[in-house]
Amino acid sequence: MTPGDLAGLADDLAATVLAVPGVVRLNGGALGEIGTYLPGRRVAGIRLADPDRTGPTEVHVVLRADAPLREVAEAVHLAAAARLTAAGAPADVRVHVDDLA
């Protein structure tokens, strides 16, 4: 994948995850360490798997405190996996619920 392909996929995946009801925001970590690093910017909360090796894509989210956590996390997983599959990327996804808001 080229940097442009990665940027498009990271942006699309972020939008897909944020569209799931119950998701408040993506979480880039306490020090901003969780993200996909691109030329000149990063997509916080989305760590794409390296296409040249095995490993999961990580999605870090903050959910609404009143949301059904397991159901929302599963919806995030399914939406992210579908988006990755549509892009021809490995659909191995790990969803991390980092906080509630």
PDB file of N, CA and C in Angstrom:
ATOM      1  N   MET A   1       0.846  -1.189   0.000  1.00  0.00           N
ATOM      2  CA  MET A   1       0.000   0.000   0.000  1.00  0.00           C
ATOM      3  C   MET A   1       0.880   1.236   0.000  1.00  0.00           C
ATOM      4  N   THR A   2       0.443   2.223  -0.717  1.00  0.00           N
ATOM      5  CA  THR A   2       1.159   3.495  -0.731  1.00  0.00           C
ATOM      6  C   THR A   2       0.700   4.344   0.444  1.00  0.00           C
ATOM      7  N   PRO A   3       1.463   5.401   0.785  1.00  0.00           N
ATOM      8  CA  PRO A   3       0.995   6.295   1.851  1.00  0.00           C
ATOM      9  C   PRO A   3      -0.394   6.869   1.572  1.00  0.00           C
ATOM     10  N   GLY A   4      -0.705   7.127   0.311  1.00  0.00           N
ATOM     11  CA  GLY A   4      -2.037   7.629  -0.033  1.00  0.00           C
ATOM     12  C   GLY A   4      -3.125   6.615   0.245  1.00  0.00           C
ATOM     13  N   ASP A   5      -2.834   5.338  -0.067  1.00  0.00           N
ATOM     14  CA  ASP A   5      -3.792   4.271   0.227  1.00  0.00           C
ATOM     15  C   ASP A   5      -4.002   4.134   1.731  1.00  0.00           C
ATOM     16  N   LEU A   6      -2.903   4.192   2.488  1.00  0.00           N
ATOM     17  CA  LEU A   6      -3.000   4.098   3.946  1.00  0.00           C
ATOM     18  C   LEU A   6      -3.788   5.260   4.517  1.00  0.00           C
ATOM     19  N   ALA A   7      -3.537   6.452   4.005  1.00  0.00           N
ATOM     20  CA  ALA A   7      -4.256   7.636   4.498  1.00  0.00           C
ATOM     21  C   ALA A   7      -5.743   7.495   4.243  1.00  0.00           C
ATOM     22  N   GLY A   8      -6.102   7.087   3.035  1.00  0.00           N
ATOM     23  CA  GLY A   8      -7.511   6.921   2.710  1.00  0.00           C
ATOM     24  C   GLY A   8      -8.168   5.863   3.567  1.00  0.00           C
ATOM     25  N   LEU A   9      -7.480   4.739   3.756  1.00  0.00           N
ATOM     26  CA  LEU A   9      -8.040   3.662   4.566  1.00  0.00           C
ATOM     27  C   LEU A   9      -8.164   4.087   6.026  1.00  0.00           C
ATOM     28  N   ALA A  10      -7.147   4.738   6.566  1.00  0.00           N
ATOM     29  CA  ALA A  10      -7.204   5.186   7.962  1.00  0.00           C
ATOM     30  C   ALA A  10      -8.333   6.189   8.160  1.00  0.00           C
ATOM     31  N   ASP A  11      -8.471   7.132   7.237  1.00  0.00           N
ATOM     32  CA  ASP A  11      -9.550   8.123   7.339  1.00  0.00           C
ATOM     33  C   ASP A  11     -10.920   7.467   7.220  1.00  0.00           C
ATOM     34  N   ASP A  12     -11.066   6.549   6.257  1.00  0.00           N
ATOM     35  CA  ASP A  12     -12.344   5.852   6.072  1.00  0.00           C
ATOM     36  C   ASP A  12     -12.689   4.996   7.287  1.00  0.00           C
ATOM     37  N   LEU A  13     -11.695   4.324   7.829  1.00  0.00           N
ATOM     38  CA  LEU A  13     -11.932   3.485   9.001  1.00  0.00           C
ATOM     39  C   LEU A  13     -12.333   4.337  10.202  1.00  0.00           C
ATOM     40  N   ALA A  14     -11.676   5.473  10.381  1.00  0.00           N
ATOM     41  CA  ALA A  14     -12.041   6.384  11.474  1.00  0.00           C
ATOM     42  C   ALA A  14     -13.485   6.852  11.324  1.00  0.00           C
ATOM     43  N   ALA A  15     -13.873   7.247  10.116  1.00  0.00           N
ATOM     44  CA  ALA A  15     -15.247   7.705   9.881  1.00  0.00           C
ATOM     45  C   ALA A  15     -16.247   6.577  10.124  1.00  0.00           C
ATOM     46  N   THR A  16     -15.903   5.372   9.701  1.00  0.00           N
ATOM     47  CA  THR A  16     -16.771   4.211   9.903  1.00  0.00           C
ATOM     48  C   THR A  16     -16.993   3.953  11.388  1.00  0.00           C
ATOM     49  N   VAL A  17     -15.926   3.985  12.159  1.00  0.00           N
ATOM     50  CA  VAL A  17     -16.024   3.727  13.602  1.00  0.00           C
ATOM     51  C   VAL A  17     -16.817   4.832  14.293  1.00  0.00           C
ATOM     52  N   LEU A  18     -16.551   6.072  13.944  1.00  0.00           N
ATOM     53  CA  LEU A  18     -17.254   7.191  14.576  1.00  0.00           C
ATOM     54  C   LEU A  18     -18.745   7.201  14.257  1.00  0.00           C
ATOM     55  N   ALA A  19     -19.143   6.537  13.177  1.00  0.00           N
ATOM     56  CA  ALA A  19     -20.558   6.478  12.802  1.00  0.00           C
ATOM     57  C   ALA A  19     -21.338   5.434  13.605  1.00  0.00           C
ATOM     58  N   VAL A  20     -20.649   4.591  14.353  1.00  0.00           N
ATOM     59  CA  VAL A  20     -21.327   3.567  15.156  1.00  0.00           C
ATOM     60  C   VAL A  20     -21.994   4.246  16.355  1.00  0.00           C
ATOM     61  N   PRO A  21     -23.304   4.056  16.533  1.00  0.00           N
ATOM     62  CA  PRO A  21     -23.983   4.659  17.686  1.00  0.00           C
ATOM     63  C   PRO A  21     -23.351   4.207  19.001  1.00  0.00           C
ATOM     64  N   GLY A  22     -23.115   5.167  19.877  1.00  0.00           N
ATOM     65  CA  GLY A  22     -22.501   4.888  21.168  1.00  0.00           C
ATOM     66  C   GLY A  22     -21.032   5.249  21.233  1.00  0.00           C
ATOM     67  N   VAL A  23     -20.401   5.444  20.070  1.00  0.00           N
ATOM     68  CA  VAL A  23     -18.995   5.855  20.042  1.00  0.00           C
ATOM     69  C   VAL A  23     -18.939   7.367  20.188  1.00  0.00           C
ATOM     70  N   VAL A  24     -18.186   7.836  21.177  1.00  0.00           N
ATOM     71  CA  VAL A  24     -18.028   9.272  21.407  1.00  0.00           C
ATOM     72  C   VAL A  24     -16.873   9.810  20.580  1.00  0.00           C
ATOM     73  N   ARG A  25     -15.739   9.099  20.635  1.00  0.00           N
ATOM     74  CA  ARG A  25     -14.563   9.550  19.892  1.00  0.00           C
ATOM     75  C   ARG A  25     -13.543   8.425  19.831  1.00  0.00           C
ATOM     76  N   LEU A  26     -12.562   8.621  18.978  1.00  0.00           N
ATOM     77  CA  LEU A  26     -11.402   7.741  18.947  1.00  0.00           C
ATOM     78  C   LEU A  26     -10.423   8.222  20.008  1.00  0.00           C
ATOM     79  N   ASN A  27      -9.616   7.316  20.536  1.00  0.00           N
ATOM     80  CA  ASN A  27      -8.670   7.678  21.588  1.00  0.00           C
ATOM     81  C   ASN A  27      -7.245   7.417  21.121  1.00  0.00           C
ATOM     82  N   GLY A  28      -6.449   8.465  21.112  1.00  0.00           N
ATOM     83  CA  GLY A  28      -5.058   8.353  20.684  1.00  0.00           C
ATOM     84  C   GLY A  28      -4.084   7.988  21.784  1.00  0.00           C
ATOM     85  N   GLY A  29      -4.580   7.732  22.989  1.00  0.00           N
ATOM     86  CA  GLY A  29      -3.702   7.373  24.099  1.00  0.00           C
ATOM     87  C   GLY A  29      -3.291   8.584  24.908  1.00  0.00           C
ATOM     88  N   ALA A  30      -2.768   8.343  26.087  1.00  0.00           N
ATOM     89  CA  ALA A  30      -2.386   9.420  27.003  1.00  0.00           C
ATOM     90  C   ALA A  30      -1.302  10.318  26.420  1.00  0.00           C
ATOM     91  N   LEU A  31      -0.409   9.741  25.641  1.00  0.00           N
ATOM     92  CA  LEU A  31       0.690  10.511  25.054  1.00  0.00           C
ATOM     93  C   LEU A  31       0.573  10.622  23.539  1.00  0.00           C
ATOM     94  N   GLY A  32      -0.576  10.246  22.996  1.00  0.00           N
ATOM     95  CA  GLY A  32      -0.762  10.304  21.552  1.00  0.00           C
ATOM     96  C   GLY A  32      -0.073   9.185  20.803  1.00  0.00           C
ATOM     97  N   GLU A  33       0.203   8.094  21.505  1.00  0.00           N
ATOM     98  CA  GLU A  33       0.984   7.010  20.911  1.00  0.00           C
ATOM     99  C   GLU A  33       0.177   6.063  20.033  1.00  0.00           C
ATOM    100  N   ILE A  34      -1.138   6.134  20.100  1.00  0.00           N
ATOM    101  CA  ILE A  34      -1.973   5.213  19.328  1.00  0.00           C
ATOM    102  C   ILE A  34      -2.480   5.940  18.095  1.00  0.00           C
ATOM    103  N   GLY A  35      -2.029   5.492  16.942  1.00  0.00           N
ATOM    104  CA  GLY A  35      -2.486   6.127  15.718  1.00  0.00           C
ATOM    105  C   GLY A  35      -1.792   5.548  14.504  1.00  0.00           C
ATOM    106  N   THR A  36      -2.272   5.970  13.353  1.00  0.00           N
ATOM    107  CA  THR A  36      -1.625   5.652  12.093  1.00  0.00           C
ATOM    108  C   THR A  36      -0.876   6.898  11.676  1.00  0.00           C
ATOM    109  N   TYR A  37       0.429   6.781  11.562  1.00  0.00           N
ATOM    110  CA  TYR A  37       1.281   7.927  11.245  1.00  0.00           C
ATOM    111  C   TYR A  37       1.434   8.036   9.738  1.00  0.00           C
ATOM    112  N   LEU A  38       1.115   9.216   9.235  1.00  0.00           N
ATOM    113  CA  LEU A  38       1.129   9.497   7.808  1.00  0.00           C
ATOM    114  C   LEU A  38       2.022  10.707   7.563  1.00  0.00           C
ATOM    115  N   PRO A  39       2.393  10.956   6.324  1.00  0.00           N
ATOM    116  CA  PRO A  39       3.204  12.144   6.052  1.00  0.00           C
ATOM    117  C   PRO A  39       2.485  13.418   6.513  1.00  0.00           C
ATOM    118  N   GLY A  40       3.034  14.078   7.515  1.00  0.00           N
ATOM    119  CA  GLY A  40       2.499  15.349   7.982  1.00  0.00           C
ATOM    120  C   GLY A  40       1.345  15.281   8.963  1.00  0.00           C
ATOM    121  N   ARG A  41       0.860  14.083   9.298  1.00  0.00           N
ATOM    122  CA  ARG A  41      -0.275  13.979  10.222  1.00  0.00           C
ATOM    123  C   ARG A  41      -0.417  12.542  10.711  1.00  0.00           C
ATOM    124  N   ARG A  42      -1.364  12.365  11.618  1.00  0.00           N
ATOM    125  CA  ARG A  42      -1.685  11.013  12.069  1.00  0.00           C
ATOM    126  C   ARG A  42      -3.188  10.911  12.279  1.00  0.00           C
ATOM    127  N   VAL A  43      -3.695   9.708  12.217  1.00  0.00           N
ATOM    128  CA  VAL A  43      -5.098   9.429  12.500  1.00  0.00           C
ATOM    129  C   VAL A  43      -5.127   8.773  13.874  1.00  0.00           C
ATOM    130  N   ALA A  44      -5.544   9.544  14.872  1.00  0.00           N
ATOM    131  CA  ALA A  44      -5.534   9.077  16.258  1.00  0.00           C
ATOM    132  C   ALA A  44      -6.558   7.971  16.473  1.00  0.00           C
ATOM    133  N   GLY A  45      -6.177   6.974  17.274  1.00  0.00           N
ATOM    134  CA  GLY A  45      -7.088   5.912  17.665  1.00  0.00           C
ATOM    135  C   GLY A  45      -7.185   4.754  16.695  1.00  0.00           C
ATOM    136  N   ILE A  46      -6.562   4.880  15.531  1.00  0.00           N
ATOM    137  CA  ILE A  46      -6.565   3.816  14.526  1.00  0.00           C
ATOM    138  C   ILE A  46      -5.117   3.431  14.266  1.00  0.00           C
ATOM    139  N   ARG A  47      -4.760   2.206  14.570  1.00  0.00           N
ATOM    140  CA  ARG A  47      -3.415   1.718  14.262  1.00  0.00           C
ATOM    141  C   ARG A  47      -3.576   0.598  13.247  1.00  0.00           C
ATOM    142  N   LEU A  48      -3.332   0.933  11.976  1.00  0.00           N
ATOM    143  CA  LEU A  48      -3.480  -0.053  10.912  1.00  0.00           C
ATOM    144  C   LEU A  48      -2.386  -1.105  11.002  1.00  0.00           C
ATOM    145  N   ALA A  49      -2.754  -2.327  10.687  1.00  0.00           N
ATOM    146  CA  ALA A  49      -1.776  -3.405  10.625  1.00  0.00           C
ATOM    147  C   ALA A  49      -0.815  -3.120   9.483  1.00  0.00           C
ATOM    148  N   ASP A  50       0.424  -3.495   9.678  1.00  0.00           N
ATOM    149  CA  ASP A  50       1.420  -3.388   8.619  1.00  0.00           C
ATOM    150  C   ASP A  50       1.039  -4.388   7.531  1.00  0.00           C
ATOM    151  N   PRO A  51       0.827  -3.932   6.289  1.00  0.00           N
ATOM    152  CA  PRO A  51       0.381  -4.857   5.243  1.00  0.00           C
ATOM    153  C   PRO A  51       1.425  -5.908   4.871  1.00  0.00           C
ATOM    154  N   ASP A  52       2.683  -5.720   5.278  1.00  0.00           N
ATOM    155  CA  ASP A  52       3.740  -6.666   4.927  1.00  0.00           C
ATOM    156  C   ASP A  52       3.972  -7.740   5.981  1.00  0.00           C
ATOM    157  N   ARG A  53       3.208  -7.695   7.084  1.00  0.00           N
ATOM    158  CA  ARG A  53       3.386  -8.712   8.121  1.00  0.00           C
ATOM    159  C   ARG A  53       2.046  -8.984   8.787  1.00  0.00           C
ATOM    160  N   THR A  54       2.014 -10.007   9.581  1.00  0.00           N
ATOM    161  CA  THR A  54       0.777 -10.310  10.280  1.00  0.00           C
ATOM    162  C   THR A  54       0.640  -9.402  11.490  1.00  0.00           C
ATOM    163  N   GLY A  55      -0.559  -9.236  11.923  1.00  0.00           N
ATOM    164  CA  GLY A  55      -0.842  -8.409  13.094  1.00  0.00           C
ATOM    165  C   GLY A  55      -2.182  -7.740  12.914  1.00  0.00           C
ATOM    166  N   PRO A  56      -2.817  -7.428  14.014  1.00  0.00           N
ATOM    167  CA  PRO A  56      -4.158  -6.849  13.930  1.00  0.00           C
ATOM    168  C   PRO A  56      -4.139  -5.346  13.686  1.00  0.00           C
ATOM    169  N   THR A  57      -5.260  -4.848  13.194  1.00  0.00           N
ATOM    170  CA  THR A  57      -5.530  -3.415  13.215  1.00  0.00           C
ATOM    171  C   THR A  57      -6.155  -3.133  14.569  1.00  0.00           C
ATOM    172  N   GLU A  58      -5.692  -2.078  15.219  1.00  0.00           N
ATOM    173  CA  GLU A  58      -6.224  -1.714  16.530  1.00  0.00           C
ATOM    174  C   GLU A  58      -7.117  -0.489  16.402  1.00  0.00           C
ATOM    175  N   VAL A  59      -8.263  -0.552  17.068  1.00  0.00           N
ATOM    176  CA  VAL A  59      -9.204   0.564  17.120  1.00  0.00           C
ATOM    177  C   VAL A  59      -9.427   0.885  18.592  1.00  0.00           C
ATOM    178  N   HIS A  60      -9.099   2.109  18.992  1.00  0.00           N
ATOM    179  CA  HIS A  60      -9.248   2.543  20.386  1.00  0.00           C
ATOM    180  C   HIS A  60     -10.357   3.579  20.454  1.00  0.00           C
ATOM    181  N   VAL A  61     -11.384   3.299  21.263  1.00  0.00           N
ATOM    182  CA  VAL A  61     -12.559   4.163  21.316  1.00  0.00           C
ATOM    183  C   VAL A  61     -12.919   4.569  22.740  1.00  0.00           C
ATOM    184  N   VAL A  62     -13.643   5.675  22.813  1.00  0.00           N
ATOM    185  CA  VAL A  62     -14.315   6.113  24.030  1.00  0.00           C
ATOM    186  C   VAL A  62     -15.800   5.984  23.729  1.00  0.00           C
ATOM    187  N   LEU A  63     -16.532   5.304  24.618  1.00  0.00           N
ATOM    188  CA  LEU A  63     -17.960   5.072  24.410  1.00  0.00           C
ATOM    189  C   LEU A  63     -18.786   5.897  25.384  1.00  0.00           C
ATOM    190  N   ARG A  64     -20.048   6.099  25.009  1.00  0.00           N
ATOM    191  CA  ARG A  64     -20.983   6.752  25.935  1.00  0.00           C
ATOM    192  C   ARG A  64     -21.152   5.867  27.159  1.00  0.00           C
ATOM    193  N   ALA A  65     -21.205   6.498  28.314  1.00  0.00           N
ATOM    194  CA  ALA A  65     -21.311   5.742  29.566  1.00  0.00           C
ATOM    195  C   ALA A  65     -22.599   4.936  29.651  1.00  0.00           C
ATOM    196  N   ASP A  66     -23.657   5.408  28.994  1.00  0.00           N
ATOM    197  CA  ASP A  66     -24.938   4.703  29.061  1.00  0.00           C
ATOM    198  C   ASP A  66     -25.138   3.714  27.912  1.00  0.00           C
ATOM    199  N   ALA A  67     -24.131   3.541  27.084  1.00  0.00           N
ATOM    200  CA  ALA A  67     -24.236   2.626  25.943  1.00  0.00           C
ATOM    201  C   ALA A  67     -24.025   1.186  26.409  1.00  0.00           C
ATOM    202  N   PRO A  68     -24.673   0.229  25.756  1.00  0.00           N
ATOM    203  CA  PRO A  68     -24.411  -1.180  26.066  1.00  0.00           C
ATOM    204  C   PRO A  68     -23.018  -1.551  25.533  1.00  0.00           C
ATOM    205  N   LEU A  69     -22.048  -1.654  26.414  1.00  0.00           N
ATOM    206  CA  LEU A  69     -20.641  -1.735  26.024  1.00  0.00           C
ATOM    207  C   LEU A  69     -20.322  -2.898  25.091  1.00  0.00           C
ATOM    208  N   ARG A  70     -20.747  -4.090  25.449  1.00  0.00           N
ATOM    209  CA  ARG A  70     -20.430  -5.246  24.603  1.00  0.00           C
ATOM    210  C   ARG A  70     -21.038  -5.112  23.210  1.00  0.00           C
ATOM    211  N   GLU A  71     -22.272  -4.646  23.156  1.00  0.00           N
ATOM    212  CA  GLU A  71     -22.944  -4.518  21.867  1.00  0.00           C
ATOM    213  C   GLU A  71     -22.282  -3.452  21.000  1.00  0.00           C
ATOM    214  N   VAL A  72     -21.915  -2.331  21.597  1.00  0.00           N
ATOM    215  CA  VAL A  72     -21.264  -1.271  20.820  1.00  0.00           C
ATOM    216  C   VAL A  72     -19.874  -1.725  20.372  1.00  0.00           C
ATOM    217  N   ALA A  73     -19.129  -2.363  21.253  1.00  0.00           N
ATOM    218  CA  ALA A  73     -17.804  -2.861  20.871  1.00  0.00           C
ATOM    219  C   ALA A  73     -17.910  -3.871  19.731  1.00  0.00           C
ATOM    220  N   GLU A  74     -18.907  -4.739  19.781  1.00  0.00           N
ATOM    221  CA  GLU A  74     -19.117  -5.705  18.698  1.00  0.00           C
ATOM    222  C   GLU A  74     -19.496  -4.997  17.403  1.00  0.00           C
ATOM    223  N   ALA A  75     -20.335  -3.975  17.488  1.00  0.00           N
ATOM    224  CA  ALA A  75     -20.714  -3.205  16.296  1.00  0.00           C
ATOM    225  C   ALA A  75     -19.497  -2.505  15.697  1.00  0.00           C
ATOM    226  N   VAL A  76     -18.628  -1.976  16.543  1.00  0.00           N
ATOM    227  CA  VAL A  76     -17.387  -1.352  16.058  1.00  0.00           C
ATOM    228  C   VAL A  76     -16.533  -2.401  15.355  1.00  0.00           C
ATOM    229  N   HIS A  77     -16.400  -3.562  15.966  1.00  0.00           N
ATOM    230  CA  HIS A  77     -15.603  -4.638  15.370  1.00  0.00           C
ATOM    231  C   HIS A  77     -16.145  -5.034  14.000  1.00  0.00           C
ATOM    232  N   LEU A  78     -17.441  -5.263  13.914  1.00  0.00           N
ATOM    233  CA  LEU A  78     -18.044  -5.682  12.644  1.00  0.00           C
ATOM    234  C   LEU A  78     -17.906  -4.613  11.575  1.00  0.00           C
ATOM    235  N   ALA A  79     -18.138  -3.358  11.937  1.00  0.00           N
ATOM    236  CA  ALA A  79     -18.033  -2.255  10.973  1.00  0.00           C
ATOM    237  C   ALA A  79     -16.595  -2.095  10.490  1.00  0.00           C
ATOM    238  N   ALA A  80     -15.644  -2.166  11.408  1.00  0.00           N
ATOM    239  CA  ALA A  80     -14.235  -2.013  11.036  1.00  0.00           C
ATOM    240  C   ALA A  80     -13.774  -3.172  10.155  1.00  0.00           C
ATOM    241  N   ALA A  81     -14.147  -4.388  10.518  1.00  0.00           N
ATOM    242  CA  ALA A  81     -13.757  -5.553   9.722  1.00  0.00           C
ATOM    243  C   ALA A  81     -14.344  -5.482   8.319  1.00  0.00           C
ATOM    244  N   ALA A  82     -15.592  -5.056   8.205  1.00  0.00           N
ATOM    245  CA  ALA A  82     -16.223  -4.931   6.888  1.00  0.00           C
ATOM    246  C   ALA A  82     -15.509  -3.883   6.042  1.00  0.00           C
ATOM    247  N   ARG A  83     -15.136  -2.769   6.649  1.00  0.00           N
ATOM    248  CA  ARG A  83     -14.451  -1.703   5.904  1.00  0.00           C
ATOM    249  C   ARG A  83     -13.080  -2.172   5.442  1.00  0.00           C
ATOM    250  N   LEU A  84     -12.356  -2.863   6.310  1.00  0.00           N
ATOM    251  CA  LEU A  84     -11.040  -3.378   5.934  1.00  0.00           C
ATOM    252  C   LEU A  84     -11.151  -4.415   4.822  1.00  0.00           C
ATOM    253  N   THR A  85     -12.126  -5.306   4.930  1.00  0.00           N
ATOM    254  CA  THR A  85     -12.335  -6.320   3.896  1.00  0.00           C
ATOM    255  C   THR A  85     -12.649  -5.672   2.557  1.00  0.00           C
ATOM    256  N   ALA A  86     -13.496  -4.647   2.574  1.00  0.00           N
ATOM    257  CA  ALA A  86     -13.851  -3.944   1.337  1.00  0.00           C
ATOM    258  C   ALA A  86     -12.628  -3.300   0.687  1.00  0.00           C
ATOM    259  N   ALA A  87     -11.648  -2.930   1.497  1.00  0.00           N
ATOM    260  CA  ALA A  87     -10.429  -2.303   0.981  1.00  0.00           C
ATOM    261  C   ALA A  87      -9.361  -3.333   0.609  1.00  0.00           C
ATOM    262  N   GLY A  88      -9.660  -4.606   0.826  1.00  0.00           N
ATOM    263  CA  GLY A  88      -8.691  -5.648   0.516  1.00  0.00           C
ATOM    264  C   GLY A  88      -7.600  -5.798   1.559  1.00  0.00           C
ATOM    265  N   ALA A  89      -7.830  -5.254   2.739  1.00  0.00           N
ATOM    266  CA  ALA A  89      -6.860  -5.343   3.836  1.00  0.00           C
ATOM    267  C   ALA A  89      -7.258  -6.480   4.772  1.00  0.00           C
ATOM    268  N   PRO A  90      -6.308  -7.005   5.539  1.00  0.00           N
ATOM    269  CA  PRO A  90      -6.659  -8.039   6.518  1.00  0.00           C
ATOM    270  C   PRO A  90      -7.695  -7.517   7.514  1.00  0.00           C
ATOM    271  N   ALA A  91      -8.691  -8.337   7.815  1.00  0.00           N
ATOM    272  CA  ALA A  91      -9.798  -7.913   8.683  1.00  0.00           C
ATOM    273  C   ALA A  91      -9.602  -8.347  10.129  1.00  0.00           C
ATOM    274  N   ASP A  92      -8.364  -8.553  10.541  1.00  0.00           N
ATOM    275  CA  ASP A  92      -8.061  -8.898  11.929  1.00  0.00           C
ATOM    276  C   ASP A  92      -8.090  -7.604  12.737  1.00  0.00           C
ATOM    277  N   VAL A  93      -9.140  -7.418  13.536  1.00  0.00           N
ATOM    278  CA  VAL A  93      -9.364  -6.155  14.252  1.00  0.00           C
ATOM    279  C   VAL A  93      -9.426  -6.417  15.749  1.00  0.00           C
ATOM    280  N   ARG A  94      -8.770  -5.565  16.506  1.00  0.00           N
ATOM    281  CA  ARG A  94      -8.863  -5.575  17.967  1.00  0.00           C
ATOM    282  C   ARG A  94      -9.478  -4.252  18.392  1.00  0.00           C
ATOM    283  N   VAL A  95     -10.602  -4.314  19.076  1.00  0.00           N
ATOM    284  CA  VAL A  95     -11.284  -3.109  19.559  1.00  0.00           C
ATOM    285  C   VAL A  95     -10.951  -2.942  21.038  1.00  0.00           C
ATOM    286  N   HIS A  96     -10.486  -1.766  21.393  1.00  0.00           N
ATOM    287  CA  HIS A  96     -10.155  -1.436  22.778  1.00  0.00           C
ATOM    288  C   HIS A  96     -11.088  -0.328  23.239  1.00  0.00           C
ATOM    289  N   VAL A  97     -11.879  -0.597  24.270  1.00  0.00           N
ATOM    290  CA  VAL A  97     -12.705   0.446  24.878  1.00  0.00           C
ATOM    291  C   VAL A  97     -11.842   1.062  25.972  1.00  0.00           C
ATOM    292  N   ASP A  98     -11.318   2.250  25.693  1.00  0.00           N
ATOM    293  CA  ASP A  98     -10.351   2.887  26.587  1.00  0.00           C
ATOM    294  C   ASP A  98     -10.989   3.717  27.688  1.00  0.00           C
ATOM    295  N   ASP A  99     -12.213   4.191  27.453  1.00  0.00           N
ATOM    296  CA  ASP A  99     -12.834   5.056  28.452  1.00  0.00           C
ATOM    297  C   ASP A  99     -14.317   5.172  28.148  1.00  0.00           C
ATOM    298  N   LEU A 100     -15.037   5.747  29.105  1.00  0.00           N
ATOM    299  CA  LEU A 100     -16.459   6.053  28.960  1.00  0.00           C
ATOM    300  C   LEU A 100     -16.635   7.545  29.178  1.00  0.00           C
ATOM    301  N   ALA A 101     -17.589   8.120  28.474  1.00  0.00           N
ATOM    302  CA  ALA A 101     -17.842   9.560  28.633  1.00  0.00           C
ATOM    303  C   ALA A 101     -19.329   9.807  28.748  1.00  0.00           C
TER     304      ALA A 101
END
